[in-house]
Amino acid sequence: MKSYLRKYIWLAIPLGIALIFFSTCNFKNPTDNLKLIVNFESVKTTVAVDFVNSKTGATIDDRTITLQVEGKDRAMAVDLTNEPASRFSVTEGLISFGIREGVTPTPDSPLELRLIVNAAGYLPTSLPVVIDSTGSHPFSVFMVLKSDPPEGVSTTSDNSGQAGNNGAVLGAIVVSTDPEPESGCAATVTIPQGTIVTDGSGNPLQGGLTVEVTYFNSQTESSLNSFPGGFSVNVSADPDGNPGEGVFITAGFIVVEITDANGRKASSFDPEITLTIEIAPGTINPETDLPVAAGDIIPVWSYDNATGEWQYEGPGVVTGPNANGNFQISYQTGHLSWWNLDWWWWWCSLGKRIVLQGKTDCDGCLWVNVKAVWGGWTSWRYICDDFIQFYYIVPKSLPVEITAFDRWGRRVGGPLRIEDLCDLTQPVMNINIQSTNTYRVFHITGTCPNKDRLDIRPSLPVWIREAGTSRWRYLGYVRNGVLEICNFEVPKRYEIKTFYRGRYYSALFDFYADYSVFVSGNYVTATASGNHVYYNVTLPDNLCNRL
């Protein structure tokens, strides 16, 4: 056997069970009355990621998503068999990977990754991932479908522009989004006649030009969820010119994409073009605790799609109000990216711990939202413990509201208002999850058709959804083939799914009114007995041949 199998192996014998420890997996000629049971946990730290349409809340499973692992500790990324892997092709909206075995992240020495995400028809985005312990770490990535953006977002496309053979724009191009309904704000790009437009390789764009402009307001939850890279960031240079970490509080952001008839994407402009972002009246300037006013300074930042990092571009000066009552910032740029108006906010590395009173291990992970009371900042995270610990880059002196949801998206705690996450007092959030008589222990065994004396007990993340719904949610971590779950509604049908070595495995199970269970699935056979459900999963040949 390959060395990625664990060295602790059980031999089950019909007349009894003998527990034998081996230092190698090189077994030869086992006798017929022996069954080899392998507790398969090649890595002890995993990252489980699902990809979500920002408008509909549905898992994106209708196209291929590309996930690239970057960041300071990207070399630590492996697949679930502990083989190096940093690029993944996602076809069903879910993926899991591991952290190299032997690496033990801690709160004092966390691992820092950045997930770069691309999918056809969606705006590119990224997600910072901080791992501070072993175990399974679930995350969700929100993505914007350009043809159907969420609330708080306005987009427009214009194809009236033309460029000559040398890339020079033949006439001035001015493209504005419609006012976004929630804020009444818009964004505008202005390209002067004669501007030379080139792609990332220096090739000129030629012929017809398509200009797409998308504006995101700073208040609507679905808009803020779409912010690429998150609001706790590492930058190569802050407004004082120093590399470092900090918190963004946004006043709005935009993305501009320009392509020609040959599919070339604009990257650079000579001379510079002008971008204008409007700001809604009443938007709070966190530095003054007052609504924004003419003369206020908001730093301007640009985003690198390849690295997922933000770069400081200079101060933005607020002007206005305009005739429509909105304020605005205009600035010149010679390149394209996401553009963002963000106050650079201070932070602490260790923040508040909030006790989740009433949460049990059986309840699984909660889906927790933390958002600034005055807008401009939000964070979603899965919480699997009975407390929330804020650490790494925590916004200081920023009033927030915290709300907890169960695995089905139902509110079970909060909103709890906290004036300062860096205040180390320990408040309590009461968690109220309705208990049902649906405690079950799932036993999962992988088998190979040509190796009937070999059983694999896997360790890997699992997702769940109510049958017929569109959102997969993190259920938990199967360890050595066992997962305990509870509090399902009856009668109802559910689906579970996982991913391993290029294949997705799924199964249906029905909880009937009498709490009995029926199970079926692809690559899966199952039986149920009392509180125990037994899955037998047929493993792919490419894995079986390695055993």
Protein backbone atom coordinates (compact mmCIF):
# COMPACT_ATOMS: atom_id res chain seq x y z
CA MET A 1 0.00 0.00 0.00
CA LYS A 2 1.03 3.56 -0.51
CA SER A 3 2.48 5.43 2.43
CA TYR A 4 -0.43 7.88 2.62
CA LEU A 5 -2.52 5.21 4.39
CA ARG A 6 -2.39 5.42 8.13
CA LYS A 7 -0.22 2.88 9.83
CA TYR A 8 -2.83 1.94 12.43
CA ILE A 9 -4.92 -0.91 11.05
CA TRP A 10 -7.59 -3.13 12.50
CA LEU A 11 -8.00 -6.82 11.60
CA ALA A 12 -11.54 -8.04 12.22
CA ILE A 13 -11.77 -11.80 12.80
CA PRO A 14 -15.13 -13.63 12.91
CA LEU A 15 -14.32 -15.29 16.24
CA GLY A 16 -13.26 -12.03 17.85
CA ILE A 17 -11.51 -8.73 17.19
CA ALA A 18 -7.79 -8.42 17.60
CA LEU A 19 -6.30 -4.94 17.58
CA ILE A 20 -2.88 -5.05 15.96
CA PHE A 21 -0.60 -2.10 15.26
CA PHE A 22 1.66 -2.21 12.23
CA SER A 23 4.42 0.14 11.16
CA THR A 24 3.97 -0.62 7.44
CA CYS A 25 1.14 -1.23 4.99
CA ASN A 26 2.96 -3.98 3.08
CA PHE A 27 0.60 -6.91 3.68
CA LYS A 28 1.12 -10.15 1.72
CA ASN A 29 -1.15 -13.19 1.36
CA PRO A 30 -3.70 -12.49 4.11
CA THR A 31 -5.74 -15.52 5.07
CA ASP A 32 -9.34 -15.80 3.92
CA ASN A 33 -10.85 -15.23 7.38
CA LEU A 34 -9.25 -11.80 7.80
CA LYS A 35 -10.71 -8.43 6.76
CA LEU A 36 -8.40 -5.43 6.54
CA ILE A 37 -10.00 -2.23 7.87
CA VAL A 38 -8.06 0.96 7.20
CA ASN A 39 -8.80 4.15 9.13
CA PHE A 40 -8.00 6.50 6.28
CA GLU A 41 -6.96 9.96 7.51
CA SER A 42 -4.00 11.10 5.44
CA VAL A 43 -4.31 14.71 6.64
CA LYS A 44 -5.57 16.02 9.98
CA THR A 45 -6.38 19.54 8.74
CA THR A 46 -8.85 20.11 5.92
CA VAL A 47 -10.45 23.08 4.18
CA ALA A 48 -14.02 22.63 2.89
CA VAL A 49 -15.29 25.24 0.44
CA ASP A 50 -18.70 25.78 -1.16
CA PHE A 51 -19.44 28.39 -3.85
CA VAL A 52 -22.62 30.47 -3.63
CA ASN A 53 -24.52 32.72 -6.05
CA SER A 54 -24.70 36.07 -4.21
CA LYS A 55 -28.23 36.79 -5.43
CA THR A 56 -30.02 33.47 -5.17
CA GLY A 57 -28.06 31.86 -2.35
CA ALA A 58 -27.83 28.70 -4.46
CA THR A 59 -24.72 26.57 -4.73
CA ILE A 60 -23.07 27.17 -8.12
CA ASP A 61 -23.16 23.70 -9.66
CA ASP A 62 -23.99 24.46 -13.31
CA ARG A 63 -20.43 25.25 -14.50
CA THR A 64 -16.79 24.59 -13.74
CA ILE A 65 -15.16 26.78 -11.09
CA THR A 66 -11.38 27.14 -10.90
CA LEU A 67 -9.85 27.41 -7.44
CA GLN A 68 -6.21 28.46 -7.07
CA VAL A 69 -4.60 28.42 -3.62
CA GLU A 70 -2.26 31.39 -3.09
CA GLY A 71 -1.02 33.28 -0.05
CA LYS A 72 1.93 33.07 2.31
CA ASP A 73 1.45 29.37 3.11
CA ARG A 74 0.22 28.11 -0.28
CA ALA A 75 2.96 25.44 -0.36
CA MET A 76 1.15 23.70 2.52
CA ALA A 77 -1.91 22.86 0.35
CA VAL A 78 -2.42 19.18 -0.52
CA ASP A 79 -5.25 16.94 -1.63
CA LEU A 80 -6.90 14.60 0.86
CA THR A 81 -4.27 11.92 0.23
CA ASN A 82 -1.49 14.36 1.25
CA GLU A 83 -0.27 14.86 -2.33
CA PRO A 84 0.76 18.47 -3.21
CA ALA A 85 -2.11 20.32 -4.88
CA SER A 86 -2.84 24.02 -5.25
CA ARG A 87 -5.23 24.17 -8.23
CA PHE A 88 -8.64 22.52 -8.27
CA SER A 89 -11.40 22.19 -10.86
CA VAL A 90 -14.81 22.30 -9.16
CA THR A 91 -17.80 20.92 -11.08
CA GLU A 92 -20.52 20.54 -8.43
CA GLY A 93 -20.03 23.65 -6.32
CA LEU A 94 -18.08 21.95 -3.50
CA ILE A 95 -14.43 21.11 -2.92
CA SER A 96 -12.18 20.04 -0.08
CA PHE A 97 -8.42 19.94 0.26
CA GLY A 98 -5.92 19.45 3.03
CA ILE A 99 -2.96 20.96 4.81
CA ARG A 100 0.27 18.99 4.56
CA GLU A 101 0.49 16.28 7.20
CA GLY A 102 2.97 17.18 9.91
CA VAL A 103 2.03 20.87 9.83
CA THR A 104 0.15 21.90 12.98
CA PRO A 105 -1.42 25.37 12.82
CA THR A 106 -2.09 27.15 16.10
CA PRO A 107 -3.53 30.56 17.11
CA ASP A 108 0.04 31.77 17.68
CA SER A 109 1.24 30.34 14.35
CA PRO A 110 -1.72 30.25 11.94
CA LEU A 111 -1.56 29.38 8.26
CA GLU A 112 -2.59 32.12 5.83
CA LEU A 113 -4.04 31.20 2.43
CA ARG A 114 -5.90 33.11 -0.24
CA LEU A 115 -8.37 31.31 -2.50
CA ILE A 116 -8.49 32.78 -6.04
CA VAL A 117 -11.79 31.85 -7.70
CA ASN A 118 -12.91 32.13 -11.33
CA ALA A 119 -15.95 30.86 -13.24
CA ALA A 120 -17.36 31.72 -16.68
CA GLY A 121 -20.03 34.40 -16.44
CA TYR A 122 -19.12 35.34 -12.86
CA LEU A 123 -16.92 38.14 -11.61
CA PRO A 124 -13.57 36.83 -10.34
CA THR A 125 -13.14 36.93 -6.59
CA SER A 126 -11.02 35.65 -3.72
CA LEU A 127 -11.30 34.66 -0.08
CA PRO A 128 -8.70 34.92 2.69
CA VAL A 129 -8.45 31.75 4.78
CA VAL A 130 -6.75 31.63 8.17
CA ILE A 131 -6.24 28.20 9.76
CA ASP A 132 -5.38 28.20 13.47
CA SER A 133 -5.97 24.56 14.44
CA THR A 134 -6.14 21.04 13.11
CA GLY A 135 -9.54 19.65 12.12
CA SER A 136 -11.98 20.66 9.40
CA HIS A 137 -12.42 24.33 8.46
CA PRO A 138 -15.47 25.19 6.30
CA PHE A 139 -15.84 28.37 4.20
CA SER A 140 -18.28 29.80 1.66
CA VAL A 141 -17.31 31.93 -1.36
CA PHE A 142 -19.99 34.34 -2.65
CA MET A 143 -19.87 35.09 -6.38
CA VAL A 144 -21.68 37.62 -8.63
CA LEU A 145 -23.32 36.41 -11.84
CA LYS A 146 -22.73 39.31 -14.22
CA SER A 147 -26.00 38.81 -16.09
CA ASP A 148 -28.09 38.71 -12.88
CA PRO A 149 -26.40 40.59 -10.00
CA PRO A 150 -27.76 40.67 -6.43
CA GLU A 151 -29.46 43.52 -4.58
CA GLY A 152 -27.13 46.45 -3.99
CA VAL A 153 -25.39 45.92 -7.33
CA SER A 154 -25.96 47.70 -10.64
CA THR A 155 -24.31 46.67 -13.91
CA THR A 156 -24.31 47.87 -17.49
CA SER A 157 -22.69 46.87 -20.78
CA ASP A 158 -21.92 49.18 -23.72
CA ASN A 159 -20.51 48.12 -27.12
CA SER A 160 -20.53 51.47 -28.94
CA GLY A 161 -16.78 52.10 -28.61
CA GLN A 162 -14.20 51.46 -31.33
CA ALA A 163 -10.40 51.20 -31.32
CA GLY A 164 -8.05 51.52 -34.27
CA ASN A 165 -5.31 49.06 -35.26
CA ASN A 166 -2.88 50.75 -32.85
CA GLY A 167 -5.35 50.48 -29.96
CA ALA A 168 -6.32 54.16 -29.99
CA VAL A 169 -9.96 54.83 -29.10
CA LEU A 170 -11.66 56.48 -32.10
CA GLY A 171 -14.10 58.50 -30.05
CA ALA A 172 -14.63 59.34 -26.39
CA ILE A 173 -16.35 56.58 -24.42
CA VAL A 174 -18.50 57.37 -21.39
CA VAL A 175 -20.34 54.49 -19.72
CA SER A 176 -22.43 54.77 -16.52
CA THR A 177 -24.41 52.21 -14.60
CA ASP A 178 -28.04 52.90 -13.87
CA PRO A 179 -28.53 54.22 -10.32
CA GLU A 180 -28.49 51.26 -7.96
CA PRO A 181 -32.02 51.18 -6.44
CA GLU A 182 -31.04 50.76 -2.78
CA SER A 183 -28.56 53.66 -2.64
CA GLY A 184 -29.42 55.68 -5.74
CA CYS A 185 -25.71 55.69 -6.62
CA ALA A 186 -23.91 54.85 -9.87
CA ALA A 187 -20.41 54.51 -11.30
CA THR A 188 -18.97 55.99 -14.51
CA VAL A 189 -15.90 55.25 -16.65
CA THR A 190 -14.63 57.94 -19.04
CA ILE A 191 -12.11 57.08 -21.79
CA PRO A 192 -10.88 60.10 -23.81
CA GLN A 193 -10.60 59.92 -27.58
CA GLY A 194 -7.12 58.80 -28.67
CA THR A 195 -6.46 56.74 -25.52
CA ILE A 196 -4.36 53.69 -26.42
CA VAL A 197 -5.77 50.52 -24.86
CA THR A 198 -3.62 47.40 -24.49
CA ASP A 199 -3.98 43.98 -22.89
CA GLY A 200 -1.74 42.41 -20.25
CA SER A 201 0.84 41.41 -22.88
CA GLY A 202 0.99 44.88 -24.41
CA ASN A 203 -1.11 43.98 -27.47
CA PRO A 204 -3.50 46.71 -28.66
CA LEU A 205 -7.23 46.17 -28.47
CA GLN A 206 -8.78 46.58 -31.92
CA GLY A 207 -12.22 47.01 -33.46
CA GLY A 208 -15.41 47.03 -31.42
CA LEU A 209 -15.03 47.50 -27.67
CA THR A 210 -17.40 46.15 -25.03
CA VAL A 211 -17.30 48.06 -21.75
CA GLU A 212 -18.87 46.46 -18.66
CA VAL A 213 -19.21 48.53 -15.48
CA THR A 214 -20.55 47.14 -12.19
CA TYR A 215 -21.24 49.23 -9.08
CA PHE A 216 -21.61 47.82 -5.53
CA ASN A 217 -23.13 49.87 -2.71
CA SER A 218 -21.68 49.86 0.80
CA GLN A 219 -24.78 48.89 2.76
CA THR A 220 -26.66 45.95 1.24
CA GLU A 221 -25.66 42.56 2.63
CA SER A 222 -25.57 40.77 -0.74
CA SER A 223 -23.37 43.55 -2.14
CA LEU A 224 -20.92 43.39 0.76
CA ASN A 225 -20.82 39.59 0.55
CA SER A 226 -19.47 40.01 -2.98
CA PHE A 227 -16.47 42.06 -1.89
CA PRO A 228 -13.38 40.22 -3.20
CA GLY A 229 -10.72 39.24 -0.71
CA GLY A 230 -12.71 40.04 2.42
CA PHE A 231 -12.43 43.11 4.64
CA SER A 232 -9.47 41.93 6.75
CA VAL A 233 -6.50 42.29 4.43
CA ASN A 234 -2.75 42.22 3.94
CA VAL A 235 -1.44 45.01 1.69
CA SER A 236 1.99 45.71 0.22
CA ALA A 237 1.66 49.38 1.16
CA ASP A 238 -0.88 51.18 3.34
CA PRO A 239 -1.68 54.93 3.05
CA ASP A 240 1.54 55.65 4.96
CA GLY A 241 3.58 53.55 2.54
CA ASN A 242 4.14 50.67 4.95
CA PRO A 243 3.36 47.00 4.24
CA GLY A 244 0.99 45.54 6.74
CA GLU A 245 -2.40 44.30 7.82
CA GLY A 246 -5.60 46.17 8.39
CA VAL A 247 -9.35 46.39 8.04
CA PHE A 248 -11.30 47.86 5.13
CA ILE A 249 -14.54 49.77 5.73
CA THR A 250 -15.95 50.44 2.30
CA ALA A 251 -17.83 53.41 0.88
CA GLY A 252 -18.52 51.51 -2.36
CA PHE A 253 -16.62 49.60 -5.03
CA ILE A 254 -16.74 48.95 -8.77
CA VAL A 255 -15.33 46.63 -11.40
CA VAL A 256 -14.66 47.61 -15.03
CA GLU A 257 -13.99 45.08 -17.80
CA ILE A 258 -13.22 46.03 -21.42
CA THR A 259 -12.83 43.51 -24.25
CA ASP A 260 -12.43 43.81 -28.03
CA ALA A 261 -13.88 41.75 -30.87
CA ASN A 262 -10.95 39.30 -30.62
CA GLY A 263 -11.55 38.63 -26.93
CA ARG A 264 -8.54 40.62 -25.70
CA LYS A 265 -9.09 42.15 -22.26
CA ALA A 266 -7.97 45.70 -21.55
CA SER A 267 -5.27 46.07 -18.93
CA SER A 268 -3.52 49.42 -19.52
CA PHE A 269 -4.37 52.90 -20.80
CA ASP A 270 -2.28 55.76 -22.13
CA PRO A 271 -3.19 58.41 -21.12
CA GLU A 272 -5.10 57.52 -17.97
CA ILE A 273 -8.88 57.12 -17.88
CA THR A 274 -11.27 58.52 -15.24
CA LEU A 275 -13.39 56.43 -12.89
CA THR A 276 -16.13 57.97 -10.76
CA ILE A 277 -17.87 56.32 -7.81
CA GLU A 278 -20.88 57.94 -6.15
CA ILE A 279 -21.42 57.81 -2.38
CA ALA A 280 -24.88 57.90 -0.83
CA PRO A 281 -25.66 60.83 1.51
CA GLY A 282 -25.81 59.59 5.07
CA THR A 283 -22.92 57.17 4.61
CA ILE A 284 -21.02 57.34 7.90
CA ASN A 285 -17.37 58.32 7.84
CA PRO A 286 -15.98 56.11 10.65
CA GLU A 287 -13.11 58.53 11.23
CA THR A 288 -15.50 61.38 12.15
CA ASP A 289 -18.63 59.42 13.18
CA LEU A 290 -20.49 61.85 10.89
CA PRO A 291 -22.05 61.52 7.42
CA VAL A 292 -19.55 61.95 4.58
CA ALA A 293 -19.03 65.53 3.48
CA ALA A 294 -17.18 67.38 0.75
CA GLY A 295 -13.47 67.41 1.48
CA ASP A 296 -13.40 64.09 3.34
CA ILE A 297 -10.54 61.80 2.31
CA ILE A 298 -11.19 58.14 1.49
CA PRO A 299 -8.27 55.97 0.32
CA VAL A 300 -8.60 54.44 -3.16
CA TRP A 301 -7.50 50.81 -3.69
CA SER A 302 -7.15 48.48 -6.68
CA TYR A 303 -7.38 44.70 -6.74
CA ASP A 304 -5.08 42.19 -8.44
CA ASN A 305 -7.16 39.31 -9.83
CA ALA A 306 -4.12 37.03 -10.06
CA THR A 307 -2.96 37.35 -6.45
CA GLY A 308 -6.17 38.43 -4.70
CA GLU A 309 -4.35 41.36 -3.09
CA TRP A 310 -5.30 45.04 -2.79
CA GLN A 311 -2.94 47.91 -3.63
CA TYR A 312 -3.18 51.47 -2.34
CA GLU A 313 -3.60 53.93 -5.23
CA GLY A 314 -3.85 57.25 -3.41
CA PRO A 315 -6.26 59.51 -1.52
CA GLY A 316 -9.74 60.09 -2.89
CA VAL A 317 -11.26 63.50 -2.21
CA VAL A 318 -15.03 63.60 -1.71
CA THR A 319 -16.86 66.23 -3.77
CA GLY A 320 -20.53 67.17 -3.96
CA PRO A 321 -23.30 66.83 -3.28
CA ASN A 322 -24.35 66.57 -6.93
CA ALA A 323 -27.74 67.53 -8.29
CA ASN A 324 -29.00 64.06 -7.37
CA GLY A 325 -27.86 64.55 -3.76
CA ASN A 326 -25.01 62.04 -3.98
CA PHE A 327 -21.36 62.69 -3.22
CA GLN A 328 -18.61 61.24 -5.39
CA ILE A 329 -14.92 60.53 -5.81
CA SER A 330 -13.24 60.70 -9.24
CA TYR A 331 -9.72 59.50 -9.92
CA GLN A 332 -7.45 58.67 -12.83
CA THR A 333 -5.93 55.30 -13.54
CA GLY A 334 -3.77 53.65 -16.15
CA HIS A 335 -4.93 50.08 -15.45
CA LEU A 336 -8.10 48.07 -14.82
CA SER A 337 -9.20 46.01 -11.84
CA TRP A 338 -11.75 46.13 -9.07
CA TRP A 339 -11.64 49.62 -7.54
CA ASN A 340 -12.60 50.31 -3.98
CA LEU A 341 -13.14 53.30 -1.71
CA ASP A 342 -12.07 52.11 1.73
CA TRP A 343 -11.16 53.65 5.02
CA TRP A 344 -8.07 51.94 6.43
CA TRP A 345 -9.14 50.89 9.93
CA TRP A 346 -7.20 49.85 13.00
CA TRP A 347 -7.41 46.41 14.54
CA CYS A 348 -6.29 43.98 17.23
CA SER A 349 -4.87 40.48 16.84
CA LEU A 350 -6.89 38.86 19.64
CA GLY A 351 -10.46 39.90 20.23
CA LYS A 352 -13.54 38.96 22.16
CA ARG A 353 -14.74 35.43 22.89
CA ILE A 354 -18.53 35.02 22.81
CA VAL A 355 -20.03 32.00 24.59
CA LEU A 356 -22.79 30.25 22.62
CA GLN A 357 -25.08 29.22 25.45
CA GLY A 358 -27.21 26.18 24.56
CA LYS A 359 -25.19 24.96 21.56
CA THR A 360 -24.25 21.27 21.61
CA ASP A 361 -21.85 19.24 19.49
CA CYS A 362 -24.82 17.48 17.94
CA ASP A 363 -26.11 20.79 16.55
CA GLY A 364 -23.17 20.88 14.16
CA CYS A 365 -21.74 24.12 12.82
CA LEU A 366 -23.56 27.44 12.97
CA TRP A 367 -23.45 29.98 10.13
CA VAL A 368 -22.61 33.30 11.82
CA ASN A 369 -22.79 36.81 10.39
CA VAL A 370 -20.97 39.79 11.89
CA LYS A 371 -21.72 43.19 10.34
CA ALA A 372 -20.91 46.80 11.14
CA VAL A 373 -23.90 48.69 12.52
CA TRP A 374 -23.25 51.62 10.17
CA GLY A 375 -22.50 49.42 7.15
CA GLY A 376 -19.38 49.05 5.04
CA TRP A 377 -18.06 45.86 6.69
CA THR A 378 -19.31 42.30 7.08
CA SER A 379 -18.03 38.80 7.76
CA TRP A 380 -19.54 35.32 7.53
CA ARG A 381 -18.02 32.29 9.20
CA TYR A 382 -18.89 28.75 10.21
CA ILE A 383 -18.64 28.22 13.98
CA CYS A 384 -18.41 24.58 15.03
CA ASP A 385 -17.41 25.13 18.68
CA ASP A 386 -19.62 26.40 21.51
CA PHE A 387 -17.96 29.81 21.35
CA ILE A 388 -16.89 32.43 18.81
CA GLN A 389 -13.28 33.55 19.13
CA PHE A 390 -12.25 36.68 17.21
CA TYR A 391 -8.58 36.73 16.28
CA TYR A 392 -6.05 37.56 13.56
CA ILE A 393 -7.27 40.94 12.14
CA VAL A 394 -10.18 42.12 14.30
CA PRO A 395 -11.72 45.58 13.69
CA LYS A 396 -11.26 47.77 16.75
CA SER A 397 -13.91 50.16 18.14
CA LEU A 398 -16.35 49.23 15.37
CA PRO A 399 -19.92 48.61 16.63
CA VAL A 400 -21.23 45.34 15.15
CA GLU A 401 -24.24 43.04 15.28
CA ILE A 402 -23.78 39.27 15.44
CA THR A 403 -26.45 36.81 14.29
CA ALA A 404 -26.26 33.00 14.29
CA PHE A 405 -28.09 30.64 11.91
CA ASP A 406 -28.45 26.86 11.96
CA ARG A 407 -27.42 24.58 9.11
CA TRP A 408 -30.70 25.32 7.30
CA GLY A 409 -30.29 29.10 7.45
CA ARG A 410 -32.79 29.67 10.27
CA ARG A 411 -31.89 32.33 12.84
CA VAL A 412 -31.13 30.67 16.19
CA GLY A 413 -29.25 33.44 18.02
CA GLY A 414 -28.94 37.22 18.07
CA PRO A 415 -28.68 39.81 16.82
CA LEU A 416 -26.23 40.63 19.58
CA ARG A 417 -24.73 44.13 19.51
CA ILE A 418 -21.06 44.49 20.45
CA GLU A 419 -19.50 47.94 20.68
CA ASP A 420 -15.88 46.78 20.38
CA LEU A 421 -14.73 43.31 19.33
CA CYS A 422 -11.33 44.03 20.85
CA ASP A 423 -12.81 44.44 24.34
CA LEU A 424 -11.90 41.14 26.02
CA THR A 425 -15.04 40.72 28.11
CA GLN A 426 -16.94 37.49 27.34
CA PRO A 427 -20.63 38.06 26.58
CA VAL A 428 -23.12 35.24 26.05
CA MET A 429 -25.31 34.62 23.00
CA ASN A 430 -28.26 32.32 23.67
CA ILE A 431 -28.65 29.63 20.98
CA ASN A 432 -32.13 28.18 20.54
CA ILE A 433 -32.17 25.15 18.24
CA GLN A 434 -35.37 23.13 18.31
CA SER A 435 -34.58 19.58 19.35
CA THR A 436 -36.09 16.65 17.44
CA ASN A 437 -35.82 12.90 18.01
CA THR A 438 -33.52 12.36 15.04
CA TYR A 439 -30.14 11.47 16.50
CA ARG A 440 -28.24 9.25 14.05
CA VAL A 441 -24.75 7.79 13.77
CA PHE A 442 -23.58 7.48 10.16
CA HIS A 443 -21.00 4.77 9.40
CA ILE A 444 -19.26 5.12 6.03
CA THR A 445 -17.11 2.39 4.51
CA GLY A 446 -15.31 2.53 1.18
CA THR A 447 -14.84 -0.72 -0.76
CA CYS A 448 -13.10 -1.85 -3.93
CA PRO A 449 -14.88 -4.39 -6.19
CA ASN A 450 -11.69 -6.40 -6.69
CA LYS A 451 -10.55 -6.28 -3.03
CA ASP A 452 -13.35 -7.82 -1.01
CA ARG A 453 -11.19 -8.19 2.11
CA LEU A 454 -10.40 -4.46 2.29
CA ASP A 455 -12.61 -1.80 3.94
CA ILE A 456 -11.66 1.89 4.06
CA ARG A 457 -12.98 4.12 6.87
CA PRO A 458 -12.62 7.64 5.39
CA SER A 459 -12.05 10.99 7.06
CA LEU A 460 -13.38 13.91 5.03
CA PRO A 461 -15.85 16.87 5.03
CA VAL A 462 -19.53 16.31 4.15
CA TRP A 463 -22.26 18.74 2.98
CA ILE A 464 -26.04 18.46 3.24
CA ARG A 465 -29.21 20.02 1.82
CA GLU A 466 -32.92 19.40 1.94
CA ALA A 467 -33.83 17.47 -1.19
CA GLY A 468 -35.08 19.76 -3.94
CA THR A 469 -33.39 22.88 -2.55
CA SER A 470 -30.42 24.59 -4.19
CA ARG A 471 -27.96 25.31 -1.34
CA TRP A 472 -25.46 22.81 0.01
CA ARG A 473 -24.39 23.56 3.57
CA TYR A 474 -21.54 22.15 5.59
CA LEU A 475 -22.72 19.22 7.72
CA GLY A 476 -19.57 18.09 9.46
CA TYR A 477 -16.43 16.01 9.32
CA VAL A 478 -16.52 12.24 8.95
CA ARG A 479 -13.67 10.87 11.04
CA ASN A 480 -12.62 7.26 10.53
CA GLY A 481 -15.93 6.60 8.84
CA VAL A 482 -18.19 7.93 11.62
CA LEU A 483 -20.34 11.09 11.86
CA GLU A 484 -22.98 11.86 14.50
CA ILE A 485 -25.83 14.22 13.55
CA CYS A 486 -29.20 15.21 15.01
CA ASN A 487 -32.16 17.61 14.91
CA PHE A 488 -33.56 16.85 11.46
CA GLU A 489 -37.15 17.67 10.62
CA VAL A 490 -39.50 14.75 9.88
CA PRO A 491 -40.91 13.61 7.57
CA LYS A 492 -38.40 15.00 5.08
CA ARG A 493 -35.84 13.92 2.48
CA TYR A 494 -32.22 15.05 2.63
CA GLU A 495 -29.17 14.73 0.42
CA ILE A 496 -25.57 14.47 1.53
CA LYS A 497 -22.48 14.89 -0.65
CA THR A 498 -18.72 14.72 -0.39
CA PHE A 499 -15.70 14.93 -2.69
CA TYR A 500 -12.67 12.67 -2.82
CA ARG A 501 -9.91 12.29 -5.44
CA GLY A 502 -11.83 13.79 -8.35
CA ARG A 503 -15.19 12.15 -7.70
CA TYR A 504 -18.33 13.41 -5.98
CA TYR A 505 -20.31 10.95 -3.85
CA SER A 506 -23.92 11.65 -2.89
CA ALA A 507 -26.85 9.90 -1.25
CA LEU A 508 -30.48 10.53 -0.38
CA PHE A 509 -31.99 9.66 2.96
CA ASP A 510 -35.58 9.99 4.13
CA PHE A 511 -36.60 10.56 7.73
CA TYR A 512 -40.14 9.25 8.02
CA ALA A 513 -42.70 10.31 10.61
CA ASP A 514 -41.83 7.25 12.71
CA TYR A 515 -38.13 8.35 12.55
CA SER A 516 -37.14 5.39 10.40
CA VAL A 517 -34.64 6.04 7.60
CA PHE A 518 -34.38 4.99 3.96
CA VAL A 519 -31.17 5.62 2.02
CA SER A 520 -30.10 5.50 -1.66
CA GLY A 521 -27.38 7.16 -3.75
CA ASN A 522 -24.82 7.11 -6.55
CA TYR A 523 -21.85 4.81 -5.89
CA VAL A 524 -23.57 4.15 -2.55
CA THR A 525 -25.59 1.36 -0.97
CA ALA A 526 -26.90 1.72 2.54
CA THR A 527 -28.87 0.08 5.31
CA ALA A 528 -30.30 1.44 8.54
CA SER A 529 -30.71 -0.15 11.94
CA GLY A 530 -32.05 1.82 14.87
CA ASN A 531 -30.03 5.01 15.26
CA HIS A 532 -27.27 3.73 12.99
CA VAL A 533 -27.04 4.21 9.22
CA TYR A 534 -24.43 2.20 7.30
CA TYR A 535 -23.11 3.47 3.94
CA ASN A 536 -21.07 1.30 1.63
CA VAL A 537 -19.30 3.45 -0.99
CA THR A 538 -17.73 1.99 -4.13
CA LEU A 539 -14.35 3.68 -4.58
CA PRO A 540 -12.99 4.68 -8.01
CA ASP A 541 -10.50 2.44 -9.80
CA ASN A 542 -7.74 5.07 -9.69
CA LEU A 543 -7.82 4.87 -5.89
CA CYS A 544 -8.40 1.12 -5.59
CA ASN A 545 -5.39 0.42 -7.82
CA ARG A 546 -3.18 2.27 -5.34
CA LEU A 547 -4.23 0.14 -2.37
